[in-house]
Structures are given as structure tokens and as C-alpha cells.
Amino acid sequence: RLYTALARDGLSGAPRLLVTDMNGDLPEDLNGDSNDERYLMSPGAAWIIGQILLQPMPGFESINRLAGQAPIAWKTGTSYGFRDAWAFGIMGDYVAGVWVGNPDGSPSPGQYGAITALPLLQRVFESLPLSNFSKPLPSTVQKTKICWPLGARQDQTKKDCHISHDAWILNKNFPMTLVAEKSTFNPLLKTFWVNENNQRSQPSCGGVKKASVAVWPLDAEPWLPKSWRRARLIPPPSSACPNLVQFLGDTIQITSITDNSILSRPPGETSIPTLELNAQGGHGYYH
């Protein structure tokens, strides 16, 4: 029903079982006349999600246009423990889904959506008449550039635009990163005072003007280029302000192990397990 709604401008309908006669004529509708139709989402939201899922099937990444392949919106999935391998897709007027698994729910190790179900889905679509999934752009959808990490429009962020991307915007709403509903506070925008040497200060210890800088979420720090990390974006504190509040991390936390974790020796090992400690937040030197 979800993928049908994506293909029908957000309108969902109950699945219907149709049985044809021996000649393939006039199917018998076993569901009666009720379609149980309702809007699962707006036409604009359905169009955007369809564009996100639209991509060439494996093996056709560079030749789709030459081969005349119809655009297909598709997604794979694998449940916990390799119990279900899924692939669903939309090609124009057709929606198809493939499930691979055991009826008793037992695992099938190594079998997951992308390598097990997706090739079968591709064969299903290859057996159907070509049908173009492309739809006209709804009036509620606009394409514009947004900036990260704040998630705002490029013309609103200016100096806090570390990187920009094209984005589809629905009903002129810009979902700012980490901003709570009905709130203008963004924890990723750090504001502070600086002195004449551009060091973080307070008015009581040499601060002459306010400054602000956009930072990325703390959990993303290990994967960011050094130029985007807080230690590079936020000016160092002034030595004249020894009690200055730190902004490099909202909290100091150990990330390599969680509370109440149990460590055990591998089979055959007699030595005590070693543990590497990694932390986020704060700054300084190791001793």
C-alpha cells in the first residue's frame, strides 16, 4: 500500500486479488467493490520520495539512457538476523515487491535484499511493458539550495554555509537541522564573544564583539574533515578568561563502550581483554 501510494500521488488503496480465467480474460475481483482508498501523504511528498528512490537498476548505471530503460524507483531491505530479504519498486503504472525468506521465520545467513530479492525484482520489471515513472513537478514542490550543517536556505546562512546541496522543498518548509518544532533555537549555532585577537572571551576579560559559527552534530565529528570539526571552527579561548565555558563538546562521553557492558575472553585466550577508550566532547591533552 505504501509503494502504491508513492505511485498514485499519495493515494493508497487496499490490495486486490484478481483471478483470470483460463484464457486470461476479464479477471474476477475477489475483493468486491471496496478499494479502501485514502491519502497516505500529499502528492508533493509522494513525488519527493519517488525522486529519492529513483535510480538505475544494478548493471544499468551508465547505459540506462542508451538502452531505453524506464526509470524505476526502488528500495531493498533486510530484517534482523537475515530472516527477510525485501525489494520493492515502482515502474510507471506497475508496483512490484519481492520477499525471500523461510515460512517458519528461520534465518537465511548471507541472504539480504540487495543480492537476493533485487535481482528477482529486476526480472519482474523486465517482463512488464515499459512504463515511465516520471511525473510532472507538483506546484507544492520547489528545488533550491540548502546549507549544512544548519539545513537552512543558502541565502539565509551566508558565512555558516560549510557545504550546499540541491534539495526538494515541500510547501516552502525548510526543516532546519536539530531545531525543535515551533522553536528558533538551533544548538548547532554557537554564539560567543571574541577579543581583538579573535579569541573567545567575555566582556569582563577583553571581549569586544559577539560572533557565531555553525558546527556539525557532535556525533558526526569522527567522520568529518578536520576543517569542519569544532576545534577548527570555534576560536581558542583567551588566556585572560580561565573559566570560559567550552563549546567543543556539549558533554564529555566515552563512545567505545557503554555502561554495564560485559567483556569476555575469546575462546582459547587466557589474557585479560584489552579495551580501547574513545571519547567525544571536550579537548585537551592525553596524560
C-alpha atoms as a PDB file:
ATOM      1  CA  ARG A   1       0.000   0.000   0.000  1.00  0.00           C
ATOM      2  CA  LEU A   2       2.874   2.381   0.743  1.00  0.00           C
ATOM      3  CA  TYR A   3       4.557   1.946  -2.631  1.00  0.00           C
ATOM      4  CA  THR A   4       1.200   2.108  -4.393  1.00  0.00           C
ATOM      5  CA  ALA A   5       0.619   5.473  -2.719  1.00  0.00           C
ATOM      6  CA  LEU A   6       4.007   6.688  -3.965  1.00  0.00           C
ATOM      7  CA  ALA A   7       2.959   5.738  -7.491  1.00  0.00           C
ATOM      8  CA  ARG A   8      -0.525   7.309  -7.213  1.00  0.00           C
ATOM      9  CA  ASP A   9       0.284  10.811  -5.941  1.00  0.00           C
ATOM     10  CA  GLY A  10      -0.119   9.770  -2.323  1.00  0.00           C
ATOM     11  CA  LEU A  11      -3.435   7.901  -2.700  1.00  0.00           C
ATOM     12  CA  SER A  12      -3.352   4.485  -1.023  1.00  0.00           C
ATOM     13  CA  GLY A  13      -5.714   1.619  -1.777  1.00  0.00           C
ATOM     14  CA  ALA A  14      -6.224  -1.848  -0.358  1.00  0.00           C
ATOM     15  CA  PRO A  15      -4.514  -4.660  -2.288  1.00  0.00           C
ATOM     16  CA  ARG A  16      -6.958  -6.523  -4.520  1.00  0.00           C
ATOM     17  CA  LEU A  17      -6.788 -10.161  -5.570  1.00  0.00           C
ATOM     18  CA  LEU A  18      -7.720 -10.599  -9.235  1.00  0.00           C
ATOM     19  CA  VAL A  19      -8.147 -14.049 -10.745  1.00  0.00           C
ATOM     20  CA  THR A  20      -8.350 -14.500 -14.509  1.00  0.00           C
ATOM     21  CA  ASP A  21      -9.987 -17.350 -16.376  1.00  0.00           C
ATOM     22  CA  MET A  22      -8.097 -19.907 -18.464  1.00  0.00           C
ATOM     23  CA  ASN A  23      -7.959 -17.516 -21.420  1.00  0.00           C
ATOM     24  CA  GLY A  24      -6.708 -14.592 -19.339  1.00  0.00           C
ATOM     25  CA  ASP A  25      -9.923 -12.658 -19.914  1.00  0.00           C
ATOM     26  CA  LEU A  26     -11.890 -10.398 -17.573  1.00  0.00           C
ATOM     27  CA  PRO A  27     -10.476 -11.052 -14.122  1.00  0.00           C
ATOM     28  CA  GLU A  28     -12.742 -11.868 -11.236  1.00  0.00           C
ATOM     29  CA  ASP A  29     -12.393  -9.367  -8.401  1.00  0.00           C
ATOM     30  CA  LEU A  30     -12.445 -11.288  -5.125  1.00  0.00           C
ATOM     31  CA  ASN A  31     -12.482  -8.116  -3.042  1.00  0.00           C
ATOM     32  CA  GLY A  32     -15.806  -6.732  -4.212  1.00  0.00           C
ATOM     33  CA  ASP A  33     -16.139  -3.021  -4.920  1.00  0.00           C
ATOM     34  CA  SER A  34     -14.314  -1.588  -1.896  1.00  0.00           C
ATOM     35  CA  ASN A  35     -10.855  -0.155  -2.521  1.00  0.00           C
ATOM     36  CA  ASP A  36     -10.482   1.423   0.926  1.00  0.00           C
ATOM     37  CA  GLU A  37      -8.747   4.394  -0.665  1.00  0.00           C
ATOM     38  CA  ARG A  38      -7.320   7.257   1.355  1.00  0.00           C
ATOM     39  CA  TYR A  39      -4.445   9.713   1.116  1.00  0.00           C
ATOM     40  CA  LEU A  40      -1.402   8.381   2.901  1.00  0.00           C
ATOM     41  CA  MET A  41       0.584  11.527   2.038  1.00  0.00           C
ATOM     42  CA  SER A  42       0.314  14.627  -0.112  1.00  0.00           C
ATOM     43  CA  PRO A  43       1.087  14.473  -3.848  1.00  0.00           C
ATOM     44  CA  GLY A  44       4.167  16.624  -3.240  1.00  0.00           C
ATOM     45  CA  ALA A  45       5.540  14.315  -0.540  1.00  0.00           C
ATOM     46  CA  ALA A  46       4.920  11.262  -2.753  1.00  0.00           C
ATOM     47  CA  TRP A  47       6.751  12.944  -5.647  1.00  0.00           C
ATOM     48  CA  ILE A  48       9.789  13.821  -3.497  1.00  0.00           C
ATOM     49  CA  ILE A  49      10.095  10.307  -2.043  1.00  0.00           C
ATOM     50  CA  GLY A  50       9.772   8.865  -5.542  1.00  0.00           C
ATOM     51  CA  GLN A  51      12.652  11.073  -6.712  1.00  0.00           C
ATOM     52  CA  ILE A  52      14.780   9.940  -3.757  1.00  0.00           C
ATOM     53  CA  LEU A  53      14.196   6.270  -4.683  1.00  0.00           C
ATOM     54  CA  LEU A  54      14.641   6.798  -8.429  1.00  0.00           C
ATOM     55  CA  GLN A  55      17.886   5.185  -9.603  1.00  0.00           C
ATOM     56  CA  PRO A  56      19.143   2.746 -12.239  1.00  0.00           C
ATOM     57  CA  MET A  57      18.974  -0.937 -11.506  1.00  0.00           C
ATOM     58  CA  PRO A  58      22.375  -2.580 -10.861  1.00  0.00           C
ATOM     59  CA  GLY A  59      24.195  -3.118 -14.143  1.00  0.00           C
ATOM     60  CA  PHE A  60      22.433  -0.223 -15.888  1.00  0.00           C
ATOM     61  CA  GLU A  61      24.053   2.692 -14.050  1.00  0.00           C
ATOM     62  CA  SER A  62      25.751   4.097 -17.156  1.00  0.00           C
ATOM     63  CA  ILE A  63      23.588   2.759 -20.001  1.00  0.00           C
ATOM     64  CA  ASN A  64      20.006   3.372 -18.885  1.00  0.00           C
ATOM     65  CA  ARG A  65      19.513   6.246 -21.296  1.00  0.00           C
ATOM     66  CA  LEU A  66      21.082   4.397 -24.233  1.00  0.00           C
ATOM     67  CA  ALA A  67      19.278   1.133 -23.508  1.00  0.00           C
ATOM     68  CA  GLY A  68      15.869   2.782 -23.256  1.00  0.00           C
ATOM     69  CA  GLN A  69      15.328   1.589 -19.718  1.00  0.00           C
ATOM     70  CA  ALA A  70      12.365   3.175 -17.950  1.00  0.00           C
ATOM     71  CA  PRO A  71      13.245   4.919 -14.678  1.00  0.00           C
ATOM     72  CA  ILE A  72      12.492   2.725 -11.667  1.00  0.00           C
ATOM     73  CA  ALA A  73      12.105   3.839  -8.051  1.00  0.00           C
ATOM     74  CA  TRP A  74      13.209   1.015  -5.799  1.00  0.00           C
ATOM     75  CA  LYS A  75      14.454   0.112  -2.332  1.00  0.00           C
ATOM     76  CA  THR A  76      15.804  -3.019  -0.664  1.00  0.00           C
ATOM     77  CA  GLY A  77      15.743  -4.132   2.942  1.00  0.00           C
ATOM     78  CA  THR A  78      16.871  -6.956   5.207  1.00  0.00           C
ATOM     79  CA  SER A  79      15.358  -7.783   8.589  1.00  0.00           C
ATOM     80  CA  TYR A  80      17.317  -8.635  11.710  1.00  0.00           C
ATOM     81  CA  GLY A  81      19.130 -11.962  11.544  1.00  0.00           C
ATOM     82  CA  PHE A  82      18.669 -12.416   7.746  1.00  0.00           C
ATOM     83  CA  ARG A  83      15.050 -13.533   8.248  1.00  0.00           C
ATOM     84  CA  ASP A  84      13.541 -11.426   5.459  1.00  0.00           C
ATOM     85  CA  ALA A  85      15.027 -10.083   2.239  1.00  0.00           C
ATOM     86  CA  TRP A  86      12.865  -7.463   0.527  1.00  0.00           C
ATOM     87  CA  ALA A  87      12.904  -5.446  -2.686  1.00  0.00           C
ATOM     88  CA  PHE A  88      10.099  -3.111  -3.747  1.00  0.00           C
ATOM     89  CA  GLY A  89       9.907  -0.925  -6.805  1.00  0.00           C
ATOM     90  CA  ILE A  90       7.759   1.318  -8.977  1.00  0.00           C
ATOM     91  CA  MET A  91       7.915   1.494 -12.765  1.00  0.00           C
ATOM     92  CA  GLY A  92       5.236   3.841 -14.017  1.00  0.00           C
ATOM     93  CA  ASP A  93       1.882   2.102 -13.615  1.00  0.00           C
ATOM     94  CA  TYR A  94       3.427  -1.006 -12.051  1.00  0.00           C
ATOM     95  CA  VAL A  95       4.359  -1.662  -8.428  1.00  0.00           C
ATOM     96  CA  ALA A  96       6.148  -4.921  -7.612  1.00  0.00           C
ATOM     97  CA  GLY A  97       7.575  -6.443  -4.463  1.00  0.00           C
ATOM     98  CA  VAL A  98       9.737  -9.490  -3.799  1.00  0.00           C
ATOM     99  CA  TRP A  99      10.152 -11.254  -0.461  1.00  0.00           C
ATOM    100  CA  VAL A 100      12.704 -14.016   0.076  1.00  0.00           C
ATOM    101  CA  GLY A 101      12.767 -15.988   3.321  1.00  0.00           C
ATOM    102  CA  ASN A 102      11.670 -19.120   5.125  1.00  0.00           C
ATOM    103  CA  PRO A 103       7.973 -19.546   6.026  1.00  0.00           C
ATOM    104  CA  ASP A 104       8.904 -20.514   9.580  1.00  0.00           C
ATOM    105  CA  GLY A 105      10.901 -17.307  10.083  1.00  0.00           C
ATOM    106  CA  SER A 106      14.246 -19.052  10.433  1.00  0.00           C
ATOM    107  CA  PRO A 107      17.355 -17.129   9.268  1.00  0.00           C
ATOM    108  CA  SER A 108      18.947 -17.435   5.835  1.00  0.00           C
ATOM    109  CA  PRO A 109      22.509 -16.239   6.604  1.00  0.00           C
ATOM    110  CA  GLY A 110      24.078 -14.110   3.901  1.00  0.00           C
ATOM    111  CA  GLN A 111      20.819 -13.577   2.019  1.00  0.00           C
ATOM    112  CA  TYR A 112      19.748  -9.952   2.001  1.00  0.00           C
ATOM    113  CA  GLY A 113      17.671  -7.643  -0.139  1.00  0.00           C
ATOM    114  CA  ALA A 114      20.332  -6.230  -2.417  1.00  0.00           C
ATOM    115  CA  ILE A 115      21.757  -9.583  -3.559  1.00  0.00           C
ATOM    116  CA  THR A 116      18.773 -11.908  -3.175  1.00  0.00           C
ATOM    117  CA  ALA A 117      15.496 -10.069  -3.710  1.00  0.00           C
ATOM    118  CA  LEU A 118      16.626  -7.242  -6.016  1.00  0.00           C
ATOM    119  CA  PRO A 119      17.686  -9.455  -8.969  1.00  0.00           C
ATOM    120  CA  LEU A 120      14.244 -11.101  -8.847  1.00  0.00           C
ATOM    121  CA  LEU A 121      12.559  -7.709  -8.782  1.00  0.00           C
ATOM    122  CA  GLN A 122      14.592  -6.676 -11.818  1.00  0.00           C
ATOM    123  CA  ARG A 123      13.406  -9.781 -13.693  1.00  0.00           C
ATOM    124  CA  VAL A 124       9.802  -8.933 -12.816  1.00  0.00           C
ATOM    125  CA  PHE A 125      10.119  -5.433 -14.279  1.00  0.00           C
ATOM    126  CA  GLU A 126      11.917  -6.722 -17.359  1.00  0.00           C
ATOM    127  CA  SER A 127       8.912  -8.949 -18.057  1.00  0.00           C
ATOM    128  CA  LEU A 128       6.476  -5.995 -17.966  1.00  0.00           C
ATOM    129  CA  PRO A 129       5.762  -3.397 -20.677  1.00  0.00           C
ATOM    130  CA  LEU A 130       7.925  -0.301 -20.279  1.00  0.00           C
ATOM    131  CA  SER A 131       6.118   2.360 -18.277  1.00  0.00           C
ATOM    132  CA  ASN A 132       7.707   5.701 -17.405  1.00  0.00           C
ATOM    133  CA  PHE A 133       7.702   6.635 -13.726  1.00  0.00           C
ATOM    134  CA  SER A 134       8.482  10.303 -14.357  1.00  0.00           C
ATOM    135  CA  LYS A 135       5.741  12.684 -13.252  1.00  0.00           C
ATOM    136  CA  PRO A 136       5.365  16.465 -13.592  1.00  0.00           C
ATOM    137  CA  LEU A 137       6.702  18.596 -10.758  1.00  0.00           C
ATOM    138  CA  PRO A 138       3.858  19.383  -8.302  1.00  0.00           C
ATOM    139  CA  SER A 139       3.171  23.052  -7.598  1.00  0.00           C
ATOM    140  CA  THR A 140       3.899  22.432  -3.884  1.00  0.00           C
ATOM    141  CA  VAL A 141       7.490  21.343  -4.569  1.00  0.00           C
ATOM    142  CA  GLN A 142      10.424  23.653  -5.277  1.00  0.00           C
ATOM    143  CA  LYS A 143      14.085  22.926  -5.890  1.00  0.00           C
ATOM    144  CA  THR A 144      16.517  25.123  -4.001  1.00  0.00           C
ATOM    145  CA  LYS A 145      19.927  25.035  -2.360  1.00  0.00           C
ATOM    146  CA  ILE A 146      20.252  24.360   1.349  1.00  0.00           C
ATOM    147  CA  CYS A 147      23.341  24.596   3.509  1.00  0.00           C
ATOM    148  CA  TRP A 148      24.771  22.199   6.049  1.00  0.00           C
ATOM    149  CA  PRO A 149      25.049  21.861   8.943  1.00  0.00           C
ATOM    150  CA  LEU A 150      22.154  24.210   9.724  1.00  0.00           C
ATOM    151  CA  GLY A 151      19.813  22.959   6.990  1.00  0.00           C
ATOM    152  CA  ALA A 152      18.612  26.452   6.044  1.00  0.00           C
ATOM    153  CA  ARG A 153      18.404  28.122   2.645  1.00  0.00           C
ATOM    154  CA  GLN A 154      21.735  29.165   1.178  1.00  0.00           C
ATOM    155  CA  ASP A 155      20.733  32.823   1.013  1.00  0.00           C
ATOM    156  CA  GLN A 156      19.903  32.763   4.748  1.00  0.00           C
ATOM    157  CA  THR A 157      23.074  31.169   6.099  1.00  0.00           C
ATOM    158  CA  LYS A 158      25.855  33.008   4.245  1.00  0.00           C
ATOM    159  CA  LYS A 159      29.052  32.544   6.303  1.00  0.00           C
ATOM    160  CA  ASP A 160      27.661  29.452   8.086  1.00  0.00           C
ATOM    161  CA  CYS A 161      27.299  27.511   4.835  1.00  0.00           C
ATOM    162  CA  HIS A 162      30.055  24.892   5.005  1.00  0.00           C
ATOM    163  CA  ILE A 163      28.611  22.895   2.093  1.00  0.00           C
ATOM    164  CA  SER A 164      25.488  23.298  -0.049  1.00  0.00           C
ATOM    165  CA  HIS A 165      23.259  20.775  -1.802  1.00  0.00           C
ATOM    166  CA  ASP A 166      20.213  20.938  -4.045  1.00  0.00           C
ATOM    167  CA  ALA A 167      17.075  19.929  -2.165  1.00  0.00           C
ATOM    168  CA  TRP A 168      13.384  19.452  -2.880  1.00  0.00           C
ATOM    169  CA  ILE A 169      11.336  21.685  -0.564  1.00  0.00           C
ATOM    170  CA  LEU A 170       7.684  20.930   0.184  1.00  0.00           C
ATOM    171  CA  ASN A 171       5.269  23.840   0.746  1.00  0.00           C
ATOM    172  CA  LYS A 172       8.226  26.204   1.264  1.00  0.00           C
ATOM    173  CA  ASN A 173       9.171  24.459   4.543  1.00  0.00           C
ATOM    174  CA  PHE A 174      12.862  24.176   5.379  1.00  0.00           C
ATOM    175  CA  PRO A 175      13.454  21.522   8.077  1.00  0.00           C
ATOM    176  CA  MET A 176      16.320  23.130   9.976  1.00  0.00           C
ATOM    177  CA  THR A 177      18.728  20.615  11.489  1.00  0.00           C
ATOM    178  CA  LEU A 178      18.022  19.789  15.158  1.00  0.00           C
ATOM    179  CA  VAL A 179      15.553  22.681  15.535  1.00  0.00           C
ATOM    180  CA  ALA A 180      12.548  21.719  17.626  1.00  0.00           C
ATOM    181  CA  GLU A 181       9.079  22.377  16.240  1.00  0.00           C
ATOM    182  CA  LYS A 182       7.878  25.956  16.842  1.00  0.00           C
ATOM    183  CA  SER A 183      11.346  26.950  18.021  1.00  0.00           C
ATOM    184  CA  THR A 184      14.040  29.138  16.504  1.00  0.00           C
ATOM    185  CA  PHE A 185      16.837  27.840  18.761  1.00  0.00           C
ATOM    186  CA  ASN A 186      19.416  25.770  16.926  1.00  0.00           C
ATOM    187  CA  PRO A 187      22.005  24.005  19.123  1.00  0.00           C
ATOM    188  CA  LEU A 188      24.333  23.815  16.123  1.00  0.00           C
ATOM    189  CA  LEU A 189      24.738  27.600  16.024  1.00  0.00           C
ATOM    190  CA  LYS A 190      27.260  28.548  18.694  1.00  0.00           C
ATOM    191  CA  THR A 191      27.395  32.223  19.776  1.00  0.00           C
ATOM    192  CA  PHE A 192      30.205  33.724  21.864  1.00  0.00           C
ATOM    193  CA  TRP A 193      32.270  36.867  22.486  1.00  0.00           C
ATOM    194  CA  VAL A 194      35.710  37.404  20.937  1.00  0.00           C
ATOM    195  CA  ASN A 195      38.515  39.810  21.744  1.00  0.00           C
ATOM    196  CA  GLU A 196      40.586  41.852  19.322  1.00  0.00           C
ATOM    197  CA  ASN A 197      42.725  38.782  18.532  1.00  0.00           C
ATOM    198  CA  ASN A 198      39.638  36.729  17.629  1.00  0.00           C
ATOM    199  CA  GLN A 199      39.979  34.623  20.772  1.00  0.00           C
ATOM    200  CA  ARG A 200      36.912  33.596  22.721  1.00  0.00           C
ATOM    201  CA  SER A 201      36.419  35.928  25.646  1.00  0.00           C
ATOM    202  CA  GLN A 202      33.813  37.600  27.792  1.00  0.00           C
ATOM    203  CA  PRO A 203      33.156  41.348  28.062  1.00  0.00           C
ATOM    204  CA  SER A 204      34.768  41.189  31.538  1.00  0.00           C
ATOM    205  CA  CYS A 205      38.058  39.826  30.153  1.00  0.00           C
ATOM    206  CA  GLY A 206      38.580  41.569  26.824  1.00  0.00           C
ATOM    207  CA  GLY A 207      35.578  40.565  24.707  1.00  0.00           C
ATOM    208  CA  VAL A 208      34.699  43.320  22.267  1.00  0.00           C
ATOM    209  CA  LYS A 209      32.068  41.777  19.944  1.00  0.00           C
ATOM    210  CA  LYS A 210      29.749  38.823  19.523  1.00  0.00           C
ATOM    211  CA  ALA A 211      30.433  36.137  16.936  1.00  0.00           C
ATOM    212  CA  SER A 212      28.708  32.929  15.885  1.00  0.00           C
ATOM    213  CA  VAL A 213      29.651  29.811  13.969  1.00  0.00           C
ATOM    214  CA  ALA A 214      27.698  26.785  12.735  1.00  0.00           C
ATOM    215  CA  VAL A 215      29.008  23.397  13.876  1.00  0.00           C
ATOM    216  CA  TRP A 216      28.108  19.842  12.940  1.00  0.00           C
ATOM    217  CA  PRO A 217      26.412  17.447  15.391  1.00  0.00           C
ATOM    218  CA  LEU A 218      28.927  16.131  17.888  1.00  0.00           C
ATOM    219  CA  ASP A 219      28.267  12.501  16.946  1.00  0.00           C
ATOM    220  CA  ALA A 220      29.425  13.262  13.387  1.00  0.00           C
ATOM    221  CA  GLU A 221      32.835  14.589  14.450  1.00  0.00           C
ATOM    222  CA  PRO A 222      34.838  11.356  13.863  1.00  0.00           C
ATOM    223  CA  TRP A 223      33.767  11.307  10.191  1.00  0.00           C
ATOM    224  CA  LEU A 224      34.219  14.999   9.398  1.00  0.00           C
ATOM    225  CA  PRO A 225      37.200  16.592   7.639  1.00  0.00           C
ATOM    226  CA  LYS A 226      39.409  18.400  10.149  1.00  0.00           C
ATOM    227  CA  SER A 227      38.398  21.774   8.702  1.00  0.00           C
ATOM    228  CA  TRP A 228      34.768  21.134   9.739  1.00  0.00           C
ATOM    229  CA  ARG A 229      35.465  19.967  13.286  1.00  0.00           C
ATOM    230  CA  ARG A 230      34.657  22.147  16.268  1.00  0.00           C
ATOM    231  CA  ALA A 231      38.303  22.576  17.249  1.00  0.00           C
ATOM    232  CA  ARG A 232      38.900  24.316  13.887  1.00  0.00           C
ATOM    233  CA  LEU A 233      35.621  26.240  13.627  1.00  0.00           C
ATOM    234  CA  ILE A 234      35.475  27.638  17.172  1.00  0.00           C
ATOM    235  CA  PRO A 235      38.232  30.124  18.136  1.00  0.00           C
ATOM    236  CA  PRO A 236      40.522  29.137  21.017  1.00  0.00           C
ATOM    237  CA  PRO A 237      39.821  30.687  24.432  1.00  0.00           C
ATOM    238  CA  SER A 238      41.742  33.681  25.664  1.00  0.00           C
ATOM    239  CA  SER A 239      44.241  33.033  28.452  1.00  0.00           C
ATOM    240  CA  ALA A 240      42.721  36.039  30.200  1.00  0.00           C
ATOM    241  CA  CYS A 241      39.463  34.115  30.661  1.00  0.00           C
ATOM    242  CA  PRO A 242      40.371  30.938  32.601  1.00  0.00           C
ATOM    243  CA  ASN A 243      36.771  29.997  33.449  1.00  0.00           C
ATOM    244  CA  LEU A 244      35.381  30.308  29.936  1.00  0.00           C
ATOM    245  CA  VAL A 245      32.658  27.796  29.038  1.00  0.00           C
ATOM    246  CA  GLN A 246      33.843  25.247  26.478  1.00  0.00           C
ATOM    247  CA  PHE A 247      31.919  24.744  23.230  1.00  0.00           C
ATOM    248  CA  LEU A 248      33.920  21.910  21.720  1.00  0.00           C
ATOM    249  CA  GLY A 249      31.543  19.317  23.125  1.00  0.00           C
ATOM    250  CA  ASP A 250      28.152  19.601  24.764  1.00  0.00           C
ATOM    251  CA  THR A 251      29.086  16.733  27.094  1.00  0.00           C
ATOM    252  CA  ILE A 252      32.142  14.555  27.517  1.00  0.00           C
ATOM    253  CA  GLN A 253      31.297  10.928  26.874  1.00  0.00           C
ATOM    254  CA  ILE A 254      33.095   7.634  26.242  1.00  0.00           C
ATOM    255  CA  THR A 255      31.938   6.210  22.914  1.00  0.00           C
ATOM    256  CA  SER A 256      33.873   2.949  22.597  1.00  0.00           C
ATOM    257  CA  ILE A 257      31.952   1.127  25.329  1.00  0.00           C
ATOM    258  CA  THR A 258      28.591   1.547  27.024  1.00  0.00           C
ATOM    259  CA  ASP A 259      27.575   1.218  30.656  1.00  0.00           C
ATOM    260  CA  ASN A 260      27.190  -2.310  32.034  1.00  0.00           C
ATOM    261  CA  SER A 261      28.981  -3.880  29.072  1.00  0.00           C
ATOM    262  CA  ILE A 262      30.360  -7.382  29.690  1.00  0.00           C
ATOM    263  CA  LEU A 263      33.788  -8.281  28.285  1.00  0.00           C
ATOM    264  CA  SER A 264      34.813 -11.903  27.858  1.00  0.00           C
ATOM    265  CA  ARG A 265      37.922 -13.651  26.630  1.00  0.00           C
ATOM    266  CA  PRO A 266      37.806 -15.121  23.124  1.00  0.00           C
ATOM    267  CA  PRO A 267      37.812 -18.958  23.095  1.00  0.00           C
ATOM    268  CA  GLY A 268      41.275 -20.285  23.864  1.00  0.00           C
ATOM    269  CA  GLU A 269      42.607 -16.958  25.170  1.00  0.00           C
ATOM    270  CA  THR A 270      43.869 -16.630  28.739  1.00  0.00           C
ATOM    271  CA  SER A 271      44.950 -12.992  28.773  1.00  0.00           C
ATOM    272  CA  ILE A 272      42.728 -10.237  30.121  1.00  0.00           C
ATOM    273  CA  PRO A 273      40.772  -8.474  27.341  1.00  0.00           C
ATOM    274  CA  THR A 274      42.094  -5.043  26.407  1.00  0.00           C
ATOM    275  CA  LEU A 275      39.817  -2.100  25.829  1.00  0.00           C
ATOM    276  CA  GLU A 276      40.406   0.948  23.671  1.00  0.00           C
ATOM    277  CA  LEU A 277      38.824   4.079  25.122  1.00  0.00           C
ATOM    278  CA  ASN A 278      37.491   6.662  22.689  1.00  0.00           C
ATOM    279  CA  ALA A 279      35.734   9.809  23.823  1.00  0.00           C
ATOM    280  CA  GLN A 280      33.840  12.743  22.323  1.00  0.00           C
ATOM    281  CA  GLY A 281      33.430  16.201  23.720  1.00  0.00           C
ATOM    282  CA  GLY A 282      35.924  18.402  25.483  1.00  0.00           C
ATOM    283  CA  HIS A 283      39.502  18.922  24.384  1.00  0.00           C
ATOM    284  CA  GLY A 284      42.985  18.870  25.803  1.00  0.00           C
ATOM    285  CA  TYR A 285      45.947  16.536  26.050  1.00  0.00           C
ATOM    286  CA  TYR A 286      46.300  12.879  26.984  1.00  0.00           C
ATOM    287  CA  HIS A 287      48.419  12.163  30.069  1.00  0.00           C
END
